[in-house]
Amino acid sequence: MALTHLQQALAQFAAEREWEQFHSPKNLVMAMAGESGELLEIFQWLTPEQSDQVMGDAERAVQVREEMADVLAYLLRLADVLDIDLEEALTQKIEKNRRKYPVHLARGRADKYTQLGG
């Protein structure tokens, strides 16, 4: 399902419940941050190796999927409310990052672009 269809489904869900009144950009960002925190909590005390295997635990896998879905839902609602085309925004951001992180300088490095030299 395309992002626009998901946005429409979420908008309809909110409209049916008369929740648009609560979906100000501020509230949506705060809700998204809360859900991101719930996702973070799942990983908080895991070792890097344990985090790599998190989807192997059926109960944790469900938690991860649900929290990621919640984050995405709020992001899509926020984009809808602010009239942002997320596909276009992400495409532009990828291009911007291509320029900031050229392969020949960034390959295998986690440095910020200002530290790459070049």
Protein backbone atom coordinates (compact mmCIF):
# COMPACT_ATOMS: atom_id res chain seq x y z
CA MET A 1 0.00 0.00 0.00
CA ALA A 2 1.41 3.39 -0.98
CA LEU A 3 2.08 6.10 1.58
CA THR A 4 -0.78 8.22 0.25
CA HIS A 5 -3.22 5.34 0.74
CA LEU A 6 -1.98 4.85 4.30
CA GLN A 7 -2.37 8.59 4.94
CA GLN A 8 -5.92 8.46 3.61
CA ALA A 9 -6.73 5.46 5.81
CA LEU A 10 -5.34 7.25 8.87
CA ALA A 11 -7.19 10.46 8.02
CA GLN A 12 -10.43 8.51 7.67
CA PHE A 13 -9.77 6.70 10.95
CA ALA A 14 -9.25 10.06 12.70
CA ALA A 15 -12.26 11.67 11.02
CA GLU A 16 -14.59 8.83 12.00
CA ARG A 17 -13.64 9.44 15.62
CA GLU A 18 -13.55 13.26 15.32
CA TRP A 19 -9.92 13.23 16.36
CA GLU A 20 -8.69 15.83 13.85
CA GLN A 21 -9.17 18.43 16.60
CA PHE A 22 -6.36 16.73 18.52
CA HIS A 23 -4.04 16.31 15.54
CA SER A 24 -2.19 19.61 15.63
CA PRO A 25 1.40 19.41 14.44
CA LYS A 26 2.61 19.87 18.02
CA ASN A 27 0.47 17.03 19.34
CA LEU A 28 1.42 14.71 16.49
CA VAL A 29 5.14 15.37 16.99
CA MET A 30 4.80 14.76 20.72
CA ALA A 31 2.87 11.53 20.13
CA MET A 32 5.48 10.39 17.61
CA ALA A 33 8.26 11.13 20.11
CA GLY A 34 6.41 9.12 22.74
CA GLU A 35 6.06 6.15 20.42
CA SER A 36 9.73 6.47 19.42
CA GLY A 37 10.53 6.30 23.11
CA GLU A 38 8.53 3.10 23.44
CA LEU A 39 10.50 1.63 20.53
CA LEU A 40 13.74 2.81 22.13
CA GLU A 41 12.77 1.14 25.40
CA ILE A 42 12.69 -2.27 23.70
CA PHE A 43 16.32 -1.86 22.63
CA GLN A 44 17.60 0.20 25.56
CA TRP A 45 19.59 -2.41 27.48
CA LEU A 46 20.28 -4.86 24.68
CA THR A 47 23.81 -5.46 23.50
CA PRO A 48 24.45 -4.74 19.82
CA GLU A 49 24.38 -8.49 19.21
CA GLN A 50 21.05 -8.89 21.03
CA SER A 51 19.58 -6.00 19.04
CA ASP A 52 20.59 -7.77 15.82
CA GLN A 53 18.56 -10.79 16.95
CA VAL A 54 15.53 -8.95 18.38
CA MET A 55 13.15 -10.22 15.70
CA GLY A 56 14.02 -13.80 16.63
CA ASP A 57 12.05 -13.42 19.86
CA ALA A 58 8.36 -13.68 18.89
CA GLU A 59 7.09 -11.44 21.70
CA ARG A 60 9.68 -8.75 21.13
CA ALA A 61 9.15 -8.95 17.37
CA VAL A 62 5.46 -8.09 17.87
CA GLN A 63 6.42 -5.17 20.13
CA VAL A 64 8.95 -3.84 17.61
CA ARG A 65 6.49 -4.08 14.72
CA GLU A 66 3.72 -2.36 16.67
CA GLU A 67 5.90 0.49 17.94
CA MET A 68 7.36 1.04 14.48
CA ALA A 69 3.84 1.11 13.06
CA ASP A 70 2.83 3.69 15.69
CA VAL A 71 5.80 5.91 14.81
CA LEU A 72 4.98 5.63 11.11
CA ALA A 73 1.29 6.36 11.73
CA TYR A 74 2.07 9.60 13.55
CA LEU A 75 4.66 10.59 10.93
CA LEU A 76 2.13 10.02 8.15
CA ARG A 77 -0.56 12.00 10.00
CA LEU A 78 1.91 14.83 10.58
CA ALA A 79 2.87 14.88 6.90
CA ASP A 80 -0.80 14.92 5.96
CA VAL A 81 -1.62 17.77 8.35
CA LEU A 82 1.39 19.79 7.13
CA ASP A 83 0.78 18.87 3.48
CA ILE A 84 4.24 17.38 3.02
CA ASP A 85 4.84 14.80 0.31
CA LEU A 86 7.08 12.41 2.21
CA GLU A 87 8.20 10.50 -0.88
CA GLU A 88 9.36 13.74 -2.51
CA ALA A 89 10.92 15.00 0.73
CA LEU A 90 12.86 11.77 1.22
CA THR A 91 14.00 11.67 -2.41
CA GLN A 92 15.34 15.22 -2.06
CA LYS A 93 17.01 14.38 1.25
CA ILE A 94 18.73 11.33 -0.23
CA GLU A 95 20.13 13.50 -3.02
CA LYS A 96 21.30 16.11 -0.52
CA ASN A 97 23.01 13.38 1.52
CA ARG A 98 24.67 11.99 -1.63
CA ARG A 99 26.37 15.37 -2.02
CA LYS A 100 27.27 15.63 1.68
CA TYR A 101 28.56 12.06 1.90
CA PRO A 102 30.35 11.20 -1.34
CA VAL A 103 31.14 7.49 -1.56
CA HIS A 104 34.88 8.02 -1.95
CA LEU A 105 35.00 9.92 1.36
CA ALA A 106 32.26 8.24 3.40
CA ARG A 107 32.59 4.53 2.58
CA GLY A 108 32.93 2.57 5.82
CA ARG A 109 32.97 5.67 8.01
CA ALA A 110 30.40 6.91 10.50
CA ASP A 111 31.82 10.43 10.67
CA LYS A 112 29.64 13.47 10.22
CA TYR A 113 30.04 15.07 6.77
CA THR A 114 31.95 18.00 8.29
CA GLN A 115 34.65 15.54 9.44
CA LEU A 116 35.16 13.74 6.13
CA GLY A 117 37.58 16.20 4.61
CA GLY A 118 37.72 16.38 0.91
